[in-house]
Amino acid sequence: MGDAPPVPRSAAQAAAAAYLRELLSRPGWYRRRWEQYAERNRSGQLNQLAIAEVLAHYLWEHPRTVGDADVLPRQLKDTTSRALSGKLLSKAALNLFMDAFGMSDFDRDQLVKIWEGSSHIRVLTGERAVPQDLLSDVAALLGPPRHQCLSLHDHMLIGADRRPVRIRTLQIIEALEAGVDRIPYLYDTNALTVSTGQGCRGIAEPLAQVKGNVYVTHLLLADVLNVGDTLTLEYWTTFSFPAGYEEREYRRGLFRRVENVDIRVEFDPDALPAAVWWAVWDGVGGPIREEYPVALDSQHSVHRYLRLAEKTLVGFRWEW
């Protein structure tokens, strides 16, 4: 049983460049690093000369080749442009960006995996739209379920720009039949990256368009399960949204029986909501059926545990 095939080199570089652009455009440390050198900023746009300035300042302090200590920002503008466009993002250039901007271990790991075309991470595309009859379309495409979820934990992180940074999902599954080596993964966002950890050996290529702009792929399991076998899975979903977008809710559809559901939303200290509610929606696209206010804890997060859930849409909504 092999891993999913790696992404072609050109596609991997383009995907890594797209993720790099997203990291540099988000409000926060990386963006502030280059904004200090930008004479004029346009909302939602990267200033490539200012970014080149960050790279130059880093090379002055940490020269890698002869001439780095005297390199001018304008001399790095073409390198910056080619890297951010994905036309030529070498490993050396990627390392320079990561070092110059002091990127976190998580962001470095994501970028390197994408650049390498790892089977454990994919950049997927689609558009935000969830039709009401999604379930019947999924059932028609995938057939009856081959596994059930025994435990589900979602942890969403909202960044300083009020946009989702990522969701960490941890779940325990049980095989309902022999030979289960993958589970379906649906996505409906205009662009996202999904990366796998414990219990997964990779991510399949996008399988099909379910309906409208909803797509499905598969998380490939680290082992082949027989009836009754269980496995713990861990994966992260990283989002990319346009400038100015502000998230105001997180919803989890639980259409099949799931025990031990834990949902947590954590907010950046610089983007605390004015009010938060736990809510139950009347289906996808439907109105809120019930809700009640909840308070942030000392870690700027809200949390809800459900002992059992089935055929429901639940989560948090908030106001800024």
Protein backbone atom coordinates (compact mmCIF):
# COMPACT_ATOMS: atom_id res chain seq x y z
CA MET A 1 0.00 0.00 0.00
CA GLY A 2 1.87 3.12 -1.20
CA ASP A 3 1.39 6.77 -0.47
CA ALA A 4 -0.47 9.11 -2.78
CA PRO A 5 1.72 10.27 -5.69
CA PRO A 6 3.60 13.54 -5.14
CA VAL A 7 2.45 16.77 -6.76
CA PRO A 8 4.35 17.66 -10.01
CA ARG A 9 7.28 20.02 -9.39
CA SER A 10 5.78 23.04 -11.20
CA ALA A 11 2.44 22.63 -9.45
CA ALA A 12 4.15 22.20 -6.08
CA GLN A 13 6.14 25.43 -6.54
CA ALA A 14 3.01 27.31 -7.59
CA ALA A 15 1.12 25.98 -4.56
CA ALA A 16 3.96 26.92 -2.20
CA ALA A 17 4.08 30.41 -3.71
CA ALA A 18 0.33 30.81 -3.20
CA TYR A 19 0.65 29.78 0.44
CA LEU A 20 3.64 32.11 0.91
CA ARG A 21 1.63 35.03 -0.52
CA GLU A 22 -1.19 34.23 1.89
CA LEU A 23 1.16 34.22 4.90
CA LEU A 24 2.75 37.55 3.92
CA SER A 25 -0.60 39.23 3.25
CA ARG A 26 -2.21 38.39 6.58
CA PRO A 27 -2.10 41.10 9.27
CA GLY A 28 0.49 40.10 11.83
CA TRP A 29 4.24 39.77 12.29
CA TYR A 30 5.10 38.78 8.70
CA ARG A 31 3.11 41.62 7.17
CA ARG A 32 4.45 44.17 9.64
CA ARG A 33 7.99 43.10 8.70
CA TRP A 34 7.61 44.35 5.12
CA GLU A 35 5.10 47.15 5.73
CA GLN A 36 7.72 49.13 7.65
CA TYR A 37 9.60 49.57 4.34
CA ALA A 38 6.57 50.31 2.15
CA GLU A 39 6.07 53.94 1.19
CA ARG A 40 2.53 53.25 0.00
CA ASN A 41 0.31 50.28 0.76
CA ARG A 42 -2.65 49.10 -1.26
CA SER A 43 -5.19 47.04 0.61
CA GLY A 44 -4.89 43.35 -0.20
CA GLN A 45 -1.71 43.76 -2.26
CA LEU A 46 1.85 42.79 -1.50
CA ASN A 47 4.59 45.38 -1.94
CA GLN A 48 7.36 43.39 -3.60
CA LEU A 49 10.05 46.03 -3.17
CA ALA A 50 9.30 46.25 0.55
CA ILE A 51 9.48 42.46 0.77
CA ALA A 52 12.82 42.55 -1.06
CA GLU A 53 13.96 45.07 1.55
CA VAL A 54 13.28 42.52 4.30
CA LEU A 55 15.30 39.91 2.40
CA ALA A 56 18.17 42.35 1.87
CA HIS A 57 18.33 43.37 5.53
CA TYR A 58 18.47 39.71 6.53
CA LEU A 59 21.30 38.99 4.07
CA TRP A 60 23.29 41.93 5.35
CA GLU A 61 23.27 40.33 8.80
CA HIS A 62 23.47 36.70 7.59
CA PRO A 63 25.33 36.64 4.24
CA ARG A 64 25.19 33.31 2.42
CA THR A 65 27.37 34.09 -0.59
CA VAL A 66 29.94 36.66 -1.61
CA GLY A 67 28.15 39.95 -2.20
CA ASP A 68 25.18 39.30 0.09
CA ALA A 69 26.44 41.78 2.66
CA ASP A 70 26.16 44.58 0.08
CA VAL A 71 23.12 43.47 -1.92
CA LEU A 72 20.53 46.16 -2.61
CA PRO A 73 16.77 45.59 -2.25
CA ARG A 74 16.18 46.46 -5.91
CA GLN A 75 18.59 43.71 -6.89
CA LEU A 76 16.32 41.21 -5.16
CA LYS A 77 13.08 42.48 -6.67
CA ASP A 78 13.15 40.04 -9.61
CA THR A 79 13.93 37.15 -7.27
CA THR A 80 11.03 38.23 -5.08
CA SER A 81 8.67 38.53 -8.05
CA ARG A 82 9.55 35.12 -9.49
CA ALA A 83 9.27 33.46 -6.09
CA LEU A 84 5.90 34.95 -5.17
CA SER A 85 4.44 34.24 -8.61
CA GLY A 86 5.55 30.61 -8.45
CA LYS A 87 7.54 30.92 -11.68
CA LEU A 88 10.81 30.16 -9.88
CA LEU A 89 10.62 29.34 -6.20
CA SER A 90 13.83 27.44 -5.49
CA LYS A 91 14.50 25.74 -2.17
CA ALA A 92 17.17 28.36 -1.45
CA ALA A 93 14.69 31.17 -2.12
CA LEU A 94 12.07 29.52 0.06
CA ASN A 95 14.58 29.17 2.90
CA LEU A 96 15.53 32.82 2.54
CA PHE A 97 11.90 33.94 2.86
CA MET A 98 11.30 31.71 5.87
CA ASP A 99 14.48 32.87 7.65
CA ALA A 100 14.13 36.57 6.80
CA PHE A 101 10.55 36.70 8.07
CA GLY A 102 11.24 34.55 11.13
CA MET A 103 8.46 32.13 10.28
CA SER A 104 7.04 29.78 12.87
CA ASP A 105 7.76 26.06 12.89
CA PHE A 106 4.22 25.29 11.76
CA ASP A 107 4.35 27.67 8.78
CA ARG A 108 7.82 26.40 7.80
CA ASP A 109 6.62 22.81 7.92
CA GLN A 110 3.60 23.62 5.77
CA LEU A 111 5.63 25.53 3.18
CA VAL A 112 8.33 22.88 2.88
CA LYS A 113 5.81 20.07 2.53
CA ILE A 114 3.90 21.94 -0.16
CA TRP A 115 7.11 22.84 -2.02
CA GLU A 116 8.28 19.23 -1.91
CA GLY A 117 4.97 18.01 -3.32
CA SER A 118 4.40 15.82 -0.29
CA SER A 119 1.51 13.39 -0.43
CA HIS A 120 0.62 14.54 3.08
CA ILE A 121 -0.50 18.00 2.02
CA ARG A 122 -2.63 19.33 -0.81
CA VAL A 123 -3.70 22.77 -1.97
CA LEU A 124 -7.29 22.33 -3.09
CA THR A 125 -9.54 24.70 -4.99
CA GLY A 126 -13.27 25.23 -5.28
CA GLU A 127 -15.75 27.94 -4.31
CA ARG A 128 -17.80 28.54 -1.22
CA ALA A 129 -21.22 27.00 -1.81
CA VAL A 130 -23.07 24.24 0.01
CA PRO A 131 -26.29 23.18 -1.73
CA GLN A 132 -29.19 21.94 0.38
CA ASP A 133 -29.23 18.49 -1.25
CA LEU A 134 -25.52 17.90 -0.73
CA LEU A 135 -25.99 14.74 1.31
CA SER A 136 -27.93 12.87 -1.35
CA ASP A 137 -25.36 13.86 -3.96
CA VAL A 138 -22.50 12.66 -1.76
CA ALA A 139 -24.29 9.37 -1.08
CA ALA A 140 -24.88 8.86 -4.79
CA LEU A 141 -21.19 9.48 -5.53
CA LEU A 142 -19.57 7.58 -2.67
CA GLY A 143 -22.14 4.91 -1.85
CA PRO A 144 -22.98 3.78 1.71
CA PRO A 145 -20.58 4.77 4.51
CA ARG A 146 -17.68 2.39 5.14
CA HIS A 147 -16.76 3.86 8.52
CA GLN A 148 -18.27 5.66 11.46
CA CYS A 149 -16.84 8.44 13.63
CA LEU A 150 -16.53 7.57 17.33
CA SER A 151 -14.99 10.84 18.48
CA LEU A 152 -14.51 14.25 16.86
CA HIS A 153 -12.55 17.30 18.02
CA ASP A 154 -12.36 20.55 16.03
CA HIS A 155 -10.15 23.46 17.11
CA MET A 156 -10.47 26.60 14.96
CA LEU A 157 -8.04 29.50 15.31
CA ILE A 158 -9.18 32.99 14.28
CA GLY A 159 -6.31 35.35 13.42
CA ALA A 160 -5.72 39.03 14.13
CA ASP A 161 -7.32 39.84 10.77
CA ARG A 162 -10.58 38.15 11.88
CA ARG A 163 -10.11 35.43 9.28
CA PRO A 164 -9.71 31.70 9.99
CA VAL A 165 -6.07 30.68 10.28
CA ARG A 166 -6.56 26.92 10.49
CA ILE A 167 -8.63 24.14 11.97
CA ARG A 168 -7.03 21.18 13.73
CA THR A 169 -9.25 18.11 13.56
CA LEU A 170 -8.71 15.00 15.62
CA GLN A 171 -11.09 12.07 15.21
CA ILE A 172 -11.37 8.38 15.96
CA ILE A 173 -12.99 6.24 13.29
CA GLU A 174 -14.20 2.64 13.23
CA ALA A 175 -14.39 0.51 10.08
CA LEU A 176 -17.84 -0.85 9.19
CA GLU A 177 -16.47 -3.28 6.61
CA ALA A 178 -13.19 -4.89 5.64
CA GLY A 179 -10.56 -3.15 3.52
CA VAL A 180 -11.15 0.47 4.57
CA ASP A 181 -8.00 2.36 3.56
CA ARG A 182 -9.41 5.88 3.07
CA ILE A 183 -12.24 8.17 4.14
CA PRO A 184 -13.89 10.96 2.13
CA TYR A 185 -13.06 14.61 2.74
CA LEU A 186 -15.39 17.33 1.40
CA TYR A 187 -14.38 20.94 0.87
CA ASP A 188 -16.31 23.98 -0.27
CA THR A 189 -13.90 26.89 0.21
CA ASN A 190 -12.50 29.02 -2.62
CA ALA A 191 -8.98 27.85 -1.67
CA LEU A 192 -7.58 25.77 1.14
CA THR A 193 -4.69 23.61 2.16
CA VAL A 194 -5.20 20.36 4.03
CA SER A 195 -2.29 18.54 5.67
CA THR A 196 -2.29 15.24 7.50
CA GLY A 197 -0.56 13.89 10.57
CA GLN A 198 -1.25 10.94 12.83
CA GLY A 199 -3.14 8.06 11.24
CA CYS A 200 -2.83 9.29 7.65
CA ARG A 201 -0.39 8.38 4.89
CA GLY A 202 -1.43 11.13 2.51
CA ILE A 203 -4.20 12.83 0.58
CA ALA A 204 -5.61 11.64 -2.72
CA GLU A 205 -6.00 13.85 -5.74
CA PRO A 206 -9.41 15.63 -5.92
CA LEU A 207 -11.89 12.86 -6.72
CA ALA A 208 -14.90 14.64 -8.15
CA GLN A 209 -17.15 17.65 -8.12
CA VAL A 210 -20.15 16.71 -6.00
CA LYS A 211 -22.48 19.48 -7.06
CA GLY A 212 -22.13 23.18 -7.74
CA ASN A 213 -18.78 24.10 -6.22
CA VAL A 214 -18.48 21.31 -3.65
CA TYR A 215 -15.67 18.82 -4.19
CA VAL A 216 -14.54 15.61 -2.54
CA THR A 217 -11.19 13.92 -2.11
CA HIS A 218 -9.94 11.20 0.28
CA LEU A 219 -7.71 11.10 3.33
CA LEU A 220 -5.55 7.99 2.91
CA LEU A 221 -5.26 5.97 6.10
CA ALA A 222 -1.99 4.76 7.57
CA ASP A 223 -3.37 1.22 7.76
CA VAL A 224 -6.05 -0.93 6.13
CA LEU A 225 -8.89 -1.43 8.59
CA ASN A 226 -11.04 -4.51 9.01
CA VAL A 227 -14.51 -4.56 10.53
CA GLY A 228 -14.37 -3.11 14.05
CA ASP A 229 -10.81 -1.75 13.73
CA THR A 230 -10.32 1.79 15.00
CA LEU A 231 -7.83 4.50 14.06
CA THR A 232 -7.04 8.00 15.33
CA LEU A 233 -6.68 10.64 12.59
CA GLU A 234 -5.25 14.14 12.77
CA TYR A 235 -5.32 16.77 10.05
CA TRP A 236 -5.19 20.54 9.63
CA THR A 237 -7.25 22.70 7.29
CA THR A 238 -5.71 26.06 6.40
CA PHE A 239 -7.83 28.70 4.69
CA SER A 240 -7.21 31.50 2.21
CA PHE A 241 -9.78 34.28 2.02
CA PRO A 242 -9.77 37.64 0.21
CA ALA A 243 -8.68 40.81 1.97
CA GLY A 244 -11.45 42.33 4.05
CA TYR A 245 -13.16 39.01 4.68
CA GLU A 246 -14.24 38.53 8.30
CA GLU A 247 -15.38 35.18 9.65
CA ARG A 248 -18.43 35.31 11.89
CA GLU A 249 -19.25 31.65 12.51
CA TYR A 250 -17.99 28.10 12.61
CA ARG A 251 -20.47 25.31 11.87
CA ARG A 252 -20.01 21.56 11.91
CA GLY A 253 -22.47 19.30 10.11
CA LEU A 254 -23.09 16.03 11.97
CA PHE A 255 -25.36 14.12 9.66
CA ARG A 256 -24.47 10.65 10.91
CA ARG A 257 -24.37 9.54 14.54
CA VAL A 258 -21.22 10.80 16.30
CA GLU A 259 -20.36 10.43 19.98
CA ASN A 260 -17.99 12.68 21.91
CA VAL A 261 -18.04 15.84 19.80
CA ASP A 262 -15.80 18.66 21.00
CA ILE A 263 -15.79 22.05 19.22
CA ARG A 264 -13.49 24.91 20.19
CA VAL A 265 -12.92 28.32 18.59
CA GLU A 266 -9.93 30.36 19.73
CA PHE A 267 -9.52 34.06 18.94
CA ASP A 268 -6.33 36.05 18.56
CA PRO A 269 -5.96 38.53 21.47
CA ASP A 270 -6.01 41.37 18.91
CA ALA A 271 -9.33 40.20 17.43
CA LEU A 272 -11.68 39.44 20.30
CA PRO A 273 -15.38 39.32 19.40
CA ALA A 274 -17.95 41.58 21.01
CA ALA A 275 -20.30 38.64 21.64
CA VAL A 276 -20.42 34.88 20.95
CA TRP A 277 -23.32 32.44 20.79
CA TRP A 278 -23.58 28.66 20.65
CA ALA A 279 -26.11 27.90 17.91
CA VAL A 280 -28.05 25.12 16.23
CA TRP A 281 -29.03 25.70 12.59
CA ASP A 282 -32.03 24.29 10.77
CA GLY A 283 -29.95 22.49 8.16
CA VAL A 284 -27.44 23.84 5.64
CA GLY A 285 -28.67 27.22 4.43
CA GLY A 286 -31.44 27.27 7.02
CA PRO A 287 -32.09 29.75 9.85
CA ILE A 288 -30.86 29.43 13.43
CA ARG A 289 -33.19 27.17 15.37
CA GLU A 290 -31.81 27.88 18.85
CA GLU A 291 -28.89 29.73 20.41
CA TYR A 292 -27.56 31.07 23.70
CA PRO A 293 -24.69 33.42 24.61
CA VAL A 294 -21.33 32.07 25.81
CA ALA A 295 -18.31 33.80 27.32
CA LEU A 296 -14.66 33.62 26.32
CA ASP A 297 -12.36 31.77 28.71
CA SER A 298 -8.89 32.86 29.86
CA GLN A 299 -7.41 31.54 26.59
CA HIS A 300 -9.73 33.73 24.48
CA SER A 301 -11.72 30.69 23.34
CA VAL A 302 -15.19 29.17 23.50
CA HIS A 303 -15.82 25.46 23.84
CA ARG A 304 -18.73 23.02 23.64
CA TYR A 305 -18.84 19.26 24.26
CA LEU A 306 -21.65 17.06 22.95
CA ARG A 307 -22.03 13.53 24.26
CA LEU A 308 -23.97 12.48 21.16
CA ALA A 309 -25.03 14.24 17.95
CA GLU A 310 -26.77 13.17 14.78
CA LYS A 311 -28.46 14.90 11.84
CA THR A 312 -27.71 18.39 13.10
CA LEU A 313 -25.70 21.49 12.25
CA VAL A 314 -24.09 23.12 15.28
CA GLY A 315 -21.35 25.58 16.13
CA PHE A 316 -20.55 29.11 17.23
CA ARG A 317 -21.39 32.45 15.75
CA TRP A 318 -20.06 35.84 16.85
CA GLU A 319 -20.16 39.58 16.27
CA TRP A 320 -17.19 41.92 16.05
